[in-house]
Amino acid sequence: FVFHFAGVNRPKNAFEFMKENYGFTKKLLDKLKKQHNKC
């Protein structure tokens, strides 16, 4: 099971919201898919 809380809410620059919140979520899902983990 994955509890996904990681992210930023007070970055120095606004563009970091998408980079960190969306970007890390995509990375996480890519890793799960690569491992064929359907948890």
PDB file of all heavy atoms in Angstrom:
ATOM      1  N   PHE A   1       0.864  -1.178   0.000  1.00  0.00           N
ATOM      2  CA  PHE A   1       0.000   0.000   0.000  1.00  0.00           C
ATOM      3  C   PHE A   1       0.900   1.227   0.000  1.00  0.00           C
ATOM      4  O   PHE A   1       1.972   1.218   0.610  1.00  0.00           O
ATOM      5  CB  PHE A   1      -0.903   0.013   1.239  1.00  0.00           C
ATOM      6  CG  PHE A   1      -2.072   0.951   1.149  1.00  0.00           C
ATOM      7  CD1 PHE A   1      -3.331   0.471   0.856  1.00  0.00           C
ATOM      8  CD2 PHE A   1      -1.918   2.324   1.361  1.00  0.00           C
ATOM      9  CE1 PHE A   1      -4.431   1.333   0.771  1.00  0.00           C
ATOM     10  CE2 PHE A   1      -2.992   3.187   1.276  1.00  0.00           C
ATOM     11  CZ  PHE A   1      -4.254   2.687   0.980  1.00  0.00           C
ATOM     12  N   VAL A   2       0.449   2.297  -0.673  1.00  0.00           N
ATOM     13  CA  VAL A   2       1.203   3.551  -0.707  1.00  0.00           C
ATOM     14  C   VAL A   2       0.346   4.674  -0.138  1.00  0.00           C
ATOM     15  O   VAL A   2      -0.777   4.915  -0.612  1.00  0.00           O
ATOM     16  CB  VAL A   2       1.641   3.926  -2.131  1.00  0.00           C
ATOM     17  CG1 VAL A   2       2.354   5.284  -2.134  1.00  0.00           C
ATOM     18  CG2 VAL A   2       2.553   2.864  -2.717  1.00  0.00           C
ATOM     19  N   PHE A   3       0.877   5.337   0.888  1.00  0.00           N
ATOM     20  CA  PHE A   3       0.303   6.585   1.377  1.00  0.00           C
ATOM     21  C   PHE A   3       1.184   7.703   0.833  1.00  0.00           C
ATOM     22  O   PHE A   3       2.345   7.838   1.232  1.00  0.00           O
ATOM     23  CB  PHE A   3       0.288   6.628   2.903  1.00  0.00           C
ATOM     24  CG  PHE A   3      -0.707   5.693   3.535  1.00  0.00           C
ATOM     25  CD1 PHE A   3      -0.289   4.496   4.103  1.00  0.00           C
ATOM     26  CD2 PHE A   3      -2.057   6.011   3.577  1.00  0.00           C
ATOM     27  CE1 PHE A   3      -1.197   3.632   4.701  1.00  0.00           C
ATOM     28  CE2 PHE A   3      -2.972   5.156   4.167  1.00  0.00           C
ATOM     29  CZ  PHE A   3      -2.545   3.960   4.727  1.00  0.00           C
ATOM     30  N   HIS A   4       0.622   8.509  -0.058  1.00  0.00           N
ATOM     31  CA  HIS A   4       1.423   9.513  -0.756  1.00  0.00           C
ATOM     32  C   HIS A   4       1.112  10.912  -0.227  1.00  0.00           C
ATOM     33  O   HIS A   4       0.116  11.524  -0.583  1.00  0.00           O
ATOM     34  CB  HIS A   4       1.141   9.430  -2.252  1.00  0.00           C
ATOM     35  CG  HIS A   4       1.906  10.416  -3.086  1.00  0.00           C
ATOM     36  ND1 HIS A   4       3.147  10.903  -2.717  1.00  0.00           N
ATOM     37  CD2 HIS A   4       1.605  11.017  -4.274  1.00  0.00           C
ATOM     38  CE1 HIS A   4       3.569  11.759  -3.634  1.00  0.00           C
ATOM     39  NE2 HIS A   4       2.650  11.844  -4.581  1.00  0.00           N
ATOM     40  N   PHE A   5       2.007  11.413   0.653  1.00  0.00           N
ATOM     41  CA  PHE A   5       1.862  12.745   1.236  1.00  0.00           C
ATOM     42  C   PHE A   5       2.927  13.722   0.737  1.00  0.00           C
ATOM     43  O   PHE A   5       2.808  14.921   0.977  1.00  0.00           O
ATOM     44  CB  PHE A   5       1.970  12.672   2.766  1.00  0.00           C
ATOM     45  CG  PHE A   5       0.912  11.836   3.429  1.00  0.00           C
ATOM     46  CD1 PHE A   5       1.242  10.616   4.004  1.00  0.00           C
ATOM     47  CD2 PHE A   5      -0.402  12.253   3.474  1.00  0.00           C
ATOM     48  CE1 PHE A   5       0.277   9.840   4.615  1.00  0.00           C
ATOM     49  CE2 PHE A   5      -1.372  11.484   4.085  1.00  0.00           C
ATOM     50  CZ  PHE A   5      -1.041  10.273   4.660  1.00  0.00           C
ATOM     51  N   ALA A   6       3.969  13.229   0.101  1.00  0.00           N
ATOM     52  CA  ALA A   6       5.098  14.089  -0.262  1.00  0.00           C
ATOM     53  C   ALA A   6       4.649  15.201  -1.202  1.00  0.00           C
ATOM     54  O   ALA A   6       3.842  14.995  -2.103  1.00  0.00           O
ATOM     55  CB  ALA A   6       6.200  13.249  -0.906  1.00  0.00           C
ATOM     56  N   GLY A   7       5.183  16.381  -0.979  1.00  0.00           N
ATOM     57  CA  GLY A   7       4.878  17.519  -1.836  1.00  0.00           C
ATOM     58  C   GLY A   7       5.388  18.802  -1.210  1.00  0.00           C
ATOM     59  O   GLY A   7       5.982  18.794  -0.128  1.00  0.00           O
ATOM     60  N   VAL A   8       5.174  19.897  -1.908  1.00  0.00           N
ATOM     61  CA  VAL A   8       5.563  21.214  -1.388  1.00  0.00           C
ATOM     62  C   VAL A   8       4.339  22.119  -1.376  1.00  0.00           C
ATOM     63  O   VAL A   8       3.450  21.995  -2.208  1.00  0.00           O
ATOM     64  CB  VAL A   8       6.680  21.861  -2.239  1.00  0.00           C
ATOM     65  CG1 VAL A   8       7.945  21.027  -2.194  1.00  0.00           C
ATOM     66  CG2 VAL A   8       6.222  22.067  -3.684  1.00  0.00           C
ATOM     67  N   ASN A   9       4.290  23.009  -0.395  1.00  0.00           N
ATOM     68  CA  ASN A   9       3.216  24.005  -0.386  1.00  0.00           C
ATOM     69  C   ASN A   9       3.713  25.420  -0.125  1.00  0.00           C
ATOM     70  O   ASN A   9       2.928  26.361  -0.160  1.00  0.00           O
ATOM     71  CB  ASN A   9       2.128  23.641   0.636  1.00  0.00           C
ATOM     72  CG  ASN A   9       2.696  23.247   1.975  1.00  0.00           C
ATOM     73  OD1 ASN A   9       3.741  23.753   2.385  1.00  0.00           O
ATOM     74  ND2 ASN A   9       2.028  22.326   2.652  1.00  0.00           N
ATOM     75  N   ARG A  10       5.031  25.555   0.126  1.00  0.00           N
ATOM     76  CA  ARG A  10       5.595  26.897   0.306  1.00  0.00           C
ATOM     77  C   ARG A  10       6.949  26.991  -0.407  1.00  0.00           C
ATOM     78  O   ARG A  10       7.974  27.281   0.218  1.00  0.00           O
ATOM     79  CB  ARG A  10       5.771  27.188   1.806  1.00  0.00           C
ATOM     80  CG  ARG A  10       4.476  27.330   2.597  1.00  0.00           C
ATOM     81  CD  ARG A  10       3.784  28.650   2.381  1.00  0.00           C
ATOM     82  NE  ARG A  10       4.563  29.754   2.904  1.00  0.00           N
ATOM     83  CZ  ARG A  10       4.483  30.189   4.160  1.00  0.00           C
ATOM     84  NH1 ARG A  10       3.686  29.603   5.033  1.00  0.00           N
ATOM     85  NH2 ARG A  10       5.198  31.224   4.539  1.00  0.00           N
ATOM     86  N   PRO A  11       6.971  26.773  -1.743  1.00  0.00           N
ATOM     87  CA  PRO A  11       8.255  26.839  -2.447  1.00  0.00           C
ATOM     88  C   PRO A  11       8.686  28.293  -2.672  1.00  0.00           C
ATOM     89  O   PRO A  11       7.887  29.228  -2.506  1.00  0.00           O
ATOM     90  CB  PRO A  11       7.948  26.150  -3.775  1.00  0.00           C
ATOM     91  CG  PRO A  11       6.514  26.482  -4.027  1.00  0.00           C
ATOM     92  CD  PRO A  11       5.863  26.470  -2.663  1.00  0.00           C
ATOM     93  N   LYS A  12       9.936  28.453  -3.071  1.00  0.00           N
ATOM     94  CA  LYS A  12      10.440  29.793  -3.351  1.00  0.00           C
ATOM     95  C   LYS A  12       9.843  30.336  -4.631  1.00  0.00           C
ATOM     96  O   LYS A  12       9.611  31.544  -4.770  1.00  0.00           O
ATOM     97  CB  LYS A  12      11.972  29.766  -3.445  1.00  0.00           C
ATOM     98  CG  LYS A  12      12.665  29.461  -2.122  1.00  0.00           C
ATOM     99  CD  LYS A  12      14.177  29.475  -2.282  1.00  0.00           C
ATOM    100  CE  LYS A  12      14.871  29.185  -0.955  1.00  0.00           C
ATOM    101  NZ  LYS A  12      16.359  29.169  -1.097  1.00  0.00           N
ATOM    102  N   ASN A  13       9.619  29.441  -5.607  1.00  0.00           N
ATOM    103  CA  ASN A  13       9.086  29.855  -6.906  1.00  0.00           C
ATOM    104  C   ASN A  13       7.825  29.054  -7.226  1.00  0.00           C
ATOM    105  O   ASN A  13       7.751  27.855  -6.948  1.00  0.00           O
ATOM    106  CB  ASN A  13      10.124  29.628  -8.010  1.00  0.00           C
ATOM    107  CG  ASN A  13      11.397  30.416  -7.757  1.00  0.00           C
ATOM    108  OD1 ASN A  13      11.395  31.639  -7.757  1.00  0.00           O
ATOM    109  ND2 ASN A  13      12.495  29.700  -7.523  1.00  0.00           N
ATOM    110  N   ALA A  14       6.838  29.716  -7.850  1.00  0.00           N
ATOM    111  CA  ALA A  14       5.541  29.088  -8.110  1.00  0.00           C
ATOM    112  C   ALA A  14       5.656  27.866  -9.013  1.00  0.00           C
ATOM    113  O   ALA A  14       4.876  26.913  -8.873  1.00  0.00           O
ATOM    114  CB  ALA A  14       4.589  30.113  -8.721  1.00  0.00           C
ATOM    115  N   PHE A  15       6.614  27.880  -9.954  1.00  0.00           N
ATOM    116  CA  PHE A  15       6.726  26.748 -10.882  1.00  0.00           C
ATOM    117  C   PHE A  15       7.094  25.449 -10.167  1.00  0.00           C
ATOM    118  O   PHE A  15       6.867  24.351 -10.693  1.00  0.00           O
ATOM    119  CB  PHE A  15       7.756  27.052 -11.984  1.00  0.00           C
ATOM    120  CG  PHE A  15       9.194  27.013 -11.530  1.00  0.00           C
ATOM    121  CD1 PHE A  15       9.917  25.814 -11.513  1.00  0.00           C
ATOM    122  CD2 PHE A  15       9.833  28.178 -11.125  1.00  0.00           C
ATOM    123  CE1 PHE A  15      11.237  25.777 -11.100  1.00  0.00           C
ATOM    124  CE2 PHE A  15      11.153  28.150 -10.707  1.00  0.00           C
ATOM    125  CZ  PHE A  15      11.850  26.946 -10.683  1.00  0.00           C
ATOM    126  N   GLU A  16       7.632  25.561  -8.940  1.00  0.00           N
ATOM    127  CA  GLU A  16       8.021  24.362  -8.197  1.00  0.00           C
ATOM    128  C   GLU A  16       6.817  23.557  -7.732  1.00  0.00           C
ATOM    129  O   GLU A  16       6.934  22.363  -7.465  1.00  0.00           O
ATOM    130  CB  GLU A  16       8.876  24.758  -6.989  1.00  0.00           C
ATOM    131  CG  GLU A  16      10.240  25.324  -7.355  1.00  0.00           C
ATOM    132  CD  GLU A  16      11.060  25.672  -6.124  1.00  0.00           C
ATOM    133  OE1 GLU A  16      11.293  24.759  -5.301  1.00  0.00           O
ATOM    134  OE2 GLU A  16      11.443  26.846  -5.978  1.00  0.00           O
ATOM    135  N   PHE A  17       5.636  24.197  -7.624  1.00  0.00           N
ATOM    136  CA  PHE A  17       4.438  23.448  -7.262  1.00  0.00           C
ATOM    137  C   PHE A  17       4.228  22.286  -8.216  1.00  0.00           C
ATOM    138  O   PHE A  17       4.091  21.128  -7.808  1.00  0.00           O
ATOM    139  CB  PHE A  17       3.207  24.355  -7.293  1.00  0.00           C
ATOM    140  CG  PHE A  17       3.072  25.266  -6.109  1.00  0.00           C
ATOM    141  CD1 PHE A  17       2.970  26.640  -6.282  1.00  0.00           C
ATOM    142  CD2 PHE A  17       3.019  24.762  -4.818  1.00  0.00           C
ATOM    143  CE1 PHE A  17       2.830  27.482  -5.199  1.00  0.00           C
ATOM    144  CE2 PHE A  17       2.874  25.598  -3.723  1.00  0.00           C
ATOM    145  CZ  PHE A  17       2.789  26.968  -3.920  1.00  0.00           C
ATOM    146  N   MET A  18       4.188  22.610  -9.503  1.00  0.00           N
ATOM    147  CA  MET A  18       3.926  21.578 -10.503  1.00  0.00           C
ATOM    148  C   MET A  18       5.106  20.612 -10.602  1.00  0.00           C
ATOM    149  O   MET A  18       4.920  19.387 -10.690  1.00  0.00           O
ATOM    150  CB  MET A  18       3.661  22.222 -11.865  1.00  0.00           C
ATOM    151  CG  MET A  18       3.040  21.269 -12.874  1.00  0.00           C
ATOM    152  SD  MET A  18       1.372  20.728 -12.430  1.00  0.00           S
ATOM    153  CE  MET A  18       0.445  22.250 -12.630  1.00  0.00           C
ATOM    154  N   LYS A  19       6.298  21.143 -10.539  1.00  0.00           N
ATOM    155  CA  LYS A  19       7.486  20.303 -10.660  1.00  0.00           C
ATOM    156  C   LYS A  19       7.560  19.274  -9.534  1.00  0.00           C
ATOM    157  O   LYS A  19       7.826  18.092  -9.779  1.00  0.00           O
ATOM    158  CB  LYS A  19       8.743  21.180 -10.643  1.00  0.00           C
ATOM    159  CG  LYS A  19      10.051  20.388 -10.691  1.00  0.00           C
ATOM    160  CD  LYS A  19      11.249  21.307 -10.572  1.00  0.00           C
ATOM    161  CE  LYS A  19      12.550  20.516 -10.507  1.00  0.00           C
ATOM    162  NZ  LYS A  19      13.724  21.408 -10.317  1.00  0.00           N
ATOM    163  N   GLU A  20       7.311  19.713  -8.334  1.00  0.00           N
ATOM    164  CA  GLU A  20       7.479  18.818  -7.191  1.00  0.00           C
ATOM    165  C   GLU A  20       6.230  17.975  -6.922  1.00  0.00           C
ATOM    166  O   GLU A  20       6.334  16.760  -6.719  1.00  0.00           O
ATOM    167  CB  GLU A  20       7.838  19.633  -5.942  1.00  0.00           C
ATOM    168  CG  GLU A  20       9.155  20.384  -6.047  1.00  0.00           C
ATOM    169  CD  GLU A  20      10.361  19.459  -6.130  1.00  0.00           C
ATOM    170  OE1 GLU A  20      10.241  18.273  -5.778  1.00  0.00           O
ATOM    171  OE2 GLU A  20      11.436  19.924  -6.549  1.00  0.00           O
ATOM    172  N   ASN A  21       5.049  18.591  -6.893  1.00  0.00           N
ATOM    173  CA  ASN A  21       3.834  17.849  -6.538  1.00  0.00           C
ATOM    174  C   ASN A  21       3.397  16.900  -7.648  1.00  0.00           C
ATOM    175  O   ASN A  21       3.214  15.701  -7.423  1.00  0.00           O
ATOM    176  CB  ASN A  21       2.710  18.826  -6.182  1.00  0.00           C
ATOM    177  CG  ASN A  21       3.017  19.632  -4.936  1.00  0.00           C
ATOM    178  OD1 ASN A  21       3.803  19.206  -4.085  1.00  0.00           O
ATOM    179  ND2 ASN A  21       2.417  20.806  -4.809  1.00  0.00           N
ATOM    180  N   TYR A  22       3.234  17.442  -8.840  1.00  0.00           N
ATOM    181  CA  TYR A  22       2.870  16.600  -9.977  1.00  0.00           C
ATOM    182  C   TYR A  22       4.038  15.710 -10.381  1.00  0.00           C
ATOM    183  O   TYR A  22       3.876  14.513 -10.640  1.00  0.00           O
ATOM    184  CB  TYR A  22       2.426  17.476 -11.152  1.00  0.00           C
ATOM    185  CG  TYR A  22       2.145  16.704 -12.416  1.00  0.00           C
ATOM    186  CD1 TYR A  22       0.912  16.111 -12.635  1.00  0.00           C
ATOM    187  CD2 TYR A  22       3.130  16.576 -13.399  1.00  0.00           C
ATOM    188  CE1 TYR A  22       0.649  15.398 -13.803  1.00  0.00           C
ATOM    189  CE2 TYR A  22       2.887  15.867 -14.561  1.00  0.00           C
ATOM    190  CZ  TYR A  22       1.638  15.285 -14.759  1.00  0.00           C
ATOM    191  OH  TYR A  22       1.404  14.578 -15.911  1.00  0.00           O
ATOM    192  N   GLY A  23       5.234  16.305 -10.413  1.00  0.00           N
ATOM    193  CA  GLY A  23       6.411  15.575 -10.886  1.00  0.00           C
ATOM    194  C   GLY A  23       6.730  14.356 -10.038  1.00  0.00           C
ATOM    195  O   GLY A  23       7.005  13.273 -10.580  1.00  0.00           O
ATOM    196  N   PHE A  24       6.689  14.503  -8.710  1.00  0.00           N
ATOM    197  CA  PHE A  24       7.008  13.357  -7.865  1.00  0.00           C
ATOM    198  C   PHE A  24       5.901  12.308  -7.920  1.00  0.00           C
ATOM    199  O   PHE A  24       6.176  11.104  -7.853  1.00  0.00           O
ATOM    200  CB  PHE A  24       7.244  13.788  -6.416  1.00  0.00           C
ATOM    201  CG  PHE A  24       7.698  12.656  -5.540  1.00  0.00           C
ATOM    202  CD1 PHE A  24       8.987  12.156  -5.644  1.00  0.00           C
ATOM    203  CD2 PHE A  24       6.846  12.071  -4.628  1.00  0.00           C
ATOM    204  CE1 PHE A  24       9.419  11.096  -4.857  1.00  0.00           C
ATOM    205  CE2 PHE A  24       7.254  11.015  -3.821  1.00  0.00           C
ATOM    206  CZ  PHE A  24       8.547  10.528  -3.944  1.00  0.00           C
ATOM    207  N   THR A  25       4.661  12.749  -8.042  1.00  0.00           N
ATOM    208  CA  THR A  25       3.560  11.785  -8.184  1.00  0.00           C
ATOM    209  C   THR A  25       3.759  10.945  -9.442  1.00  0.00           C
ATOM    210  O   THR A  25       3.576   9.716  -9.424  1.00  0.00           O
ATOM    211  CB  THR A  25       2.204  12.518  -8.243  1.00  0.00           C
ATOM    212  OG1 THR A  25       2.027  13.270  -7.037  1.00  0.00           O
ATOM    213  CG2 THR A  25       1.052  11.534  -8.391  1.00  0.00           C
ATOM    214  N   LYS A  26       4.132  11.599 -10.542  1.00  0.00           N
ATOM    215  CA  LYS A  26       4.382  10.857 -11.786  1.00  0.00           C
ATOM    216  C   LYS A  26       5.542   9.883 -11.624  1.00  0.00           C
ATOM    217  O   LYS A  26       5.477   8.725 -12.072  1.00  0.00           O
ATOM    218  CB  LYS A  26       4.677  11.828 -12.933  1.00  0.00           C
ATOM    219  CG  LYS A  26       4.811  11.145 -14.297  1.00  0.00           C
ATOM    220  CD  LYS A  26       5.001  12.163 -15.395  1.00  0.00           C
ATOM    221  CE  LYS A  26       4.995  11.479 -16.759  1.00  0.00           C
ATOM    222  NZ  LYS A  26       5.955  10.372 -16.896  1.00  0.00           N
ATOM    223  N   LYS A  27       6.599  10.328 -10.962  1.00  0.00           N
ATOM    224  CA  LYS A  27       7.744   9.443 -10.739  1.00  0.00           C
ATOM    225  C   LYS A  27       7.341   8.219  -9.929  1.00  0.00           C
ATOM    226  O   LYS A  27       7.716   7.085 -10.230  1.00  0.00           O
ATOM    227  CB  LYS A  27       8.861  10.203 -10.015  1.00  0.00           C
ATOM    228  CG  LYS A  27      10.082   9.330  -9.706  1.00  0.00           C
ATOM    229  CD  LYS A  27      11.044  10.015  -8.754  1.00  0.00           C
ATOM    230  CE  LYS A  27      11.729  11.181  -9.406  1.00  0.00           C
ATOM    231  NZ  LYS A  27      12.806  11.748  -8.516  1.00  0.00           N
ATOM    232  N   LEU A  28       6.551   8.446  -8.897  1.00  0.00           N
ATOM    233  CA  LEU A  28       6.096   7.356  -8.033  1.00  0.00           C
ATOM    234  C   LEU A  28       5.274   6.345  -8.836  1.00  0.00           C
ATOM    235  O   LEU A  28       5.500   5.123  -8.744  1.00  0.00           O
ATOM    236  CB  LEU A  28       5.272   7.927  -6.882  1.00  0.00           C
ATOM    237  CG  LEU A  28       4.641   6.924  -5.922  1.00  0.00           C
ATOM    238  CD1 LEU A  28       5.713   6.171  -5.146  1.00  0.00           C
ATOM    239  CD2 LEU A  28       3.703   7.651  -4.954  1.00  0.00           C
ATOM    240  N   LEU A  29       4.339   6.841  -9.632  1.00  0.00           N
ATOM    241  CA  LEU A  29       3.490   5.942 -10.414  1.00  0.00           C
ATOM    242  C   LEU A  29       4.305   5.199 -11.474  1.00  0.00           C
ATOM    243  O   LEU A  29       4.055   4.013 -11.747  1.00  0.00           O
ATOM    244  CB  LEU A  29       2.351   6.727 -11.067  1.00  0.00           C
ATOM    245  CG  LEU A  29       1.375   7.406 -10.096  1.00  0.00           C
ATOM    246  CD1 LEU A  29       0.275   8.132 -10.868  1.00  0.00           C
ATOM    247  CD2 LEU A  29       0.766   6.391  -9.133  1.00  0.00           C
ATOM    248  N   ASP A  30       5.273   5.864 -12.059  1.00  0.00           N
ATOM    249  CA  ASP A  30       6.144   5.205 -13.054  1.00  0.00           C
ATOM    250  C   ASP A  30       6.924   4.061 -12.417  1.00  0.00           C
ATOM    251  O   ASP A  30       7.090   2.993 -13.019  1.00  0.00           O
ATOM    252  CB  ASP A  30       7.116   6.217 -13.668  1.00  0.00           C
ATOM    253  CG  ASP A  30       6.433   7.187 -14.635  1.00  0.00           C
ATOM    254  OD1 ASP A  30       5.288   6.890 -15.048  1.00  0.00           O
ATOM    255  OD2 ASP A  30       7.033   8.235 -14.954  1.00  0.00           O
ATOM    256  N   LYS A  31       7.395   4.280 -11.190  1.00  0.00           N
ATOM    257  CA  LYS A  31       8.151   3.226 -10.496  1.00  0.00           C
ATOM    258  C   LYS A  31       7.251   2.037 -10.179  1.00  0.00           C
ATOM    259  O   LYS A  31       7.652   0.875 -10.336  1.00  0.00           O
ATOM    260  CB  LYS A  31       8.748   3.776  -9.195  1.00  0.00           C
ATOM    261  CG  LYS A  31       9.760   4.895  -9.376  1.00  0.00           C
ATOM    262  CD  LYS A  31      11.019   4.433 -10.055  1.00  0.00           C
ATOM    263  CE  LYS A  31      12.046   5.568 -10.093  1.00  0.00           C
ATOM    264  NZ  LYS A  31      13.265   5.174 -10.871  1.00  0.00           N
ATOM    265  N   LEU A  32       6.034   2.306  -9.717  1.00  0.00           N
ATOM    266  CA  LEU A  32       5.099   1.214  -9.417  1.00  0.00           C
ATOM    267  C   LEU A  32       4.755   0.431 -10.679  1.00  0.00           C
ATOM    268  O   LEU A  32       4.708  -0.814 -10.667  1.00  0.00           O
ATOM    269  CB  LEU A  32       3.823   1.781  -8.784  1.00  0.00           C
ATOM    270  CG  LEU A  32       3.961   2.330  -7.363  1.00  0.00           C
ATOM    271  CD1 LEU A  32       2.733   3.162  -6.987  1.00  0.00           C
ATOM    272  CD2 LEU A  32       4.143   1.187  -6.352  1.00  0.00           C
ATOM    273  N   LYS A  33       4.535   1.146 -11.761  1.00  0.00           N
ATOM    274  CA  LYS A  33       4.193   0.485 -13.023  1.00  0.00           C
ATOM    275  C   LYS A  33       5.357  -0.361 -13.529  1.00  0.00           C
ATOM    276  O   LYS A  33       5.169  -1.494 -14.011  1.00  0.00           O
ATOM    277  CB  LYS A  33       3.807   1.534 -14.064  1.00  0.00           C
ATOM    278  CG  LYS A  33       3.291   0.946 -15.370  1.00  0.00           C
ATOM    279  CD  LYS A  33       2.799   2.048 -16.293  1.00  0.00           C
ATOM    280  CE  LYS A  33       2.253   1.454 -17.598  1.00  0.00           C
ATOM    281  NZ  LYS A  33       1.734   2.519 -18.487  1.00  0.00           N
ATOM    282  N   LYS A  34       6.553   0.160 -13.401  1.00  0.00           N
ATOM    283  CA  LYS A  34       7.737  -0.570 -13.840  1.00  0.00           C
ATOM    284  C   LYS A  34       7.882  -1.878 -13.076  1.00  0.00           C
ATOM    285  O   LYS A  34       8.318  -2.898 -13.640  1.00  0.00           O
ATOM    286  CB  LYS A  34       8.976   0.304 -13.634  1.00  0.00           C
ATOM    287  CG  LYS A  34      10.279  -0.366 -14.061  1.00  0.00           C
ATOM    288  CD  LYS A  34      11.455   0.568 -13.830  1.00  0.00           C
ATOM    289  CE  LYS A  34      12.773  -0.123 -14.199  1.00  0.00           C
ATOM    290  NZ  LYS A  34      13.948   0.758 -13.951  1.00  0.00           N
ATOM    291  N   GLN A  35       7.507  -1.848 -11.796  1.00  0.00           N
ATOM    292  CA  GLN A  35       7.621  -3.047 -10.949  1.00  0.00           C
ATOM    293  C   GLN A  35       6.368  -3.931 -11.017  1.00  0.00           C
ATOM    294  O   GLN A  35       6.288  -4.930 -10.304  1.00  0.00           O
ATOM    295  CB  GLN A  35       7.871  -2.623  -9.489  1.00  0.00           C
ATOM    296  CG  GLN A  35       9.154  -1.860  -9.266  1.00  0.00           C
ATOM    297  CD  GLN A  35      10.393  -2.672  -9.596  1.00  0.00           C
ATOM    298  OE1 GLN A  35      10.378  -3.900  -9.523  1.00  0.00           O
ATOM    299  NE2 GLN A  35      11.470  -1.994  -9.979  1.00  0.00           N
ATOM    300  N   HIS A  36       5.409  -3.534 -11.877  1.00  0.00           N
ATOM    301  CA  HIS A  36       4.148  -4.292 -12.012  1.00  0.00           C
ATOM    302  C   HIS A  36       3.441  -4.454 -10.667  1.00  0.00           C
ATOM    303  O   HIS A  36       2.820  -5.485 -10.391  1.00  0.00           O
ATOM    304  CB  HIS A  36       4.414  -5.679 -12.632  1.00  0.00           C
ATOM    305  CG  HIS A  36       5.185  -5.628 -13.915  1.00  0.00           C
ATOM    306  ND1 HIS A  36       4.634  -5.181 -15.091  1.00  0.00           N
ATOM    307  CD2 HIS A  36       6.484  -5.955 -14.183  1.00  0.00           C
ATOM    308  CE1 HIS A  36       5.549  -5.237 -16.058  1.00  0.00           C
ATOM    309  NE2 HIS A  36       6.677  -5.702 -15.538  1.00  0.00           N
ATOM    310  N   ASN A  37       3.544  -3.403  -9.860  1.00  0.00           N
ATOM    311  CA  ASN A  37       2.926  -3.422  -8.539  1.00  0.00           C
ATOM    312  C   ASN A  37       1.580  -2.703  -8.607  1.00  0.00           C
ATOM    313  O   ASN A  37       1.517  -1.491  -8.810  1.00  0.00           O
ATOM    314  CB  ASN A  37       3.838  -2.736  -7.511  1.00  0.00           C
ATOM    315  CG  ASN A  37       3.332  -2.899  -6.086  1.00  0.00           C
ATOM    316  OD1 ASN A  37       2.166  -3.194  -5.845  1.00  0.00           O
ATOM    317  ND2 ASN A  37       4.225  -2.696  -5.123  1.00  0.00           N
ATOM    318  N   LYS A  38       0.502  -3.440  -8.430  1.00  0.00           N
ATOM    319  CA  LYS A  38      -0.844  -2.880  -8.524  1.00  0.00           C
ATOM    320  C   LYS A  38      -1.454  -2.649  -7.132  1.00  0.00           C
ATOM    321  O   LYS A  38      -2.670  -2.786  -6.932  1.00  0.00           O
ATOM    322  CB  LYS A  38      -1.734  -3.790  -9.354  1.00  0.00           C
ATOM    323  CG  LYS A  38      -1.298  -3.901 -10.819  1.00  0.00           C
ATOM    324  CD  LYS A  38      -2.247  -4.770 -11.614  1.00  0.00           C
ATOM    325  CE  LYS A  38      -1.803  -4.880 -13.063  1.00  0.00           C
ATOM    326  NZ  LYS A  38      -1.874  -3.565 -13.774  1.00  0.00           N
ATOM    327  N   CYS A  39      -0.606  -2.287  -6.177  1.00  0.00           N
ATOM    328  CA  CYS A  39      -1.110  -2.047  -4.820  1.00  0.00           C
ATOM    329  C   CYS A  39      -1.965  -0.780  -4.782  1.00  0.00           C
ATOM    330  O   CYS A  39      -1.814   0.114  -5.622  1.00  0.00           O
ATOM    331  CB  CYS A  39       0.064  -1.918  -3.843  1.00  0.00           C
ATOM    332  SG  CYS A  39       1.027  -0.403  -4.020  1.00  0.00           S
TER     333      CYS A  39
END
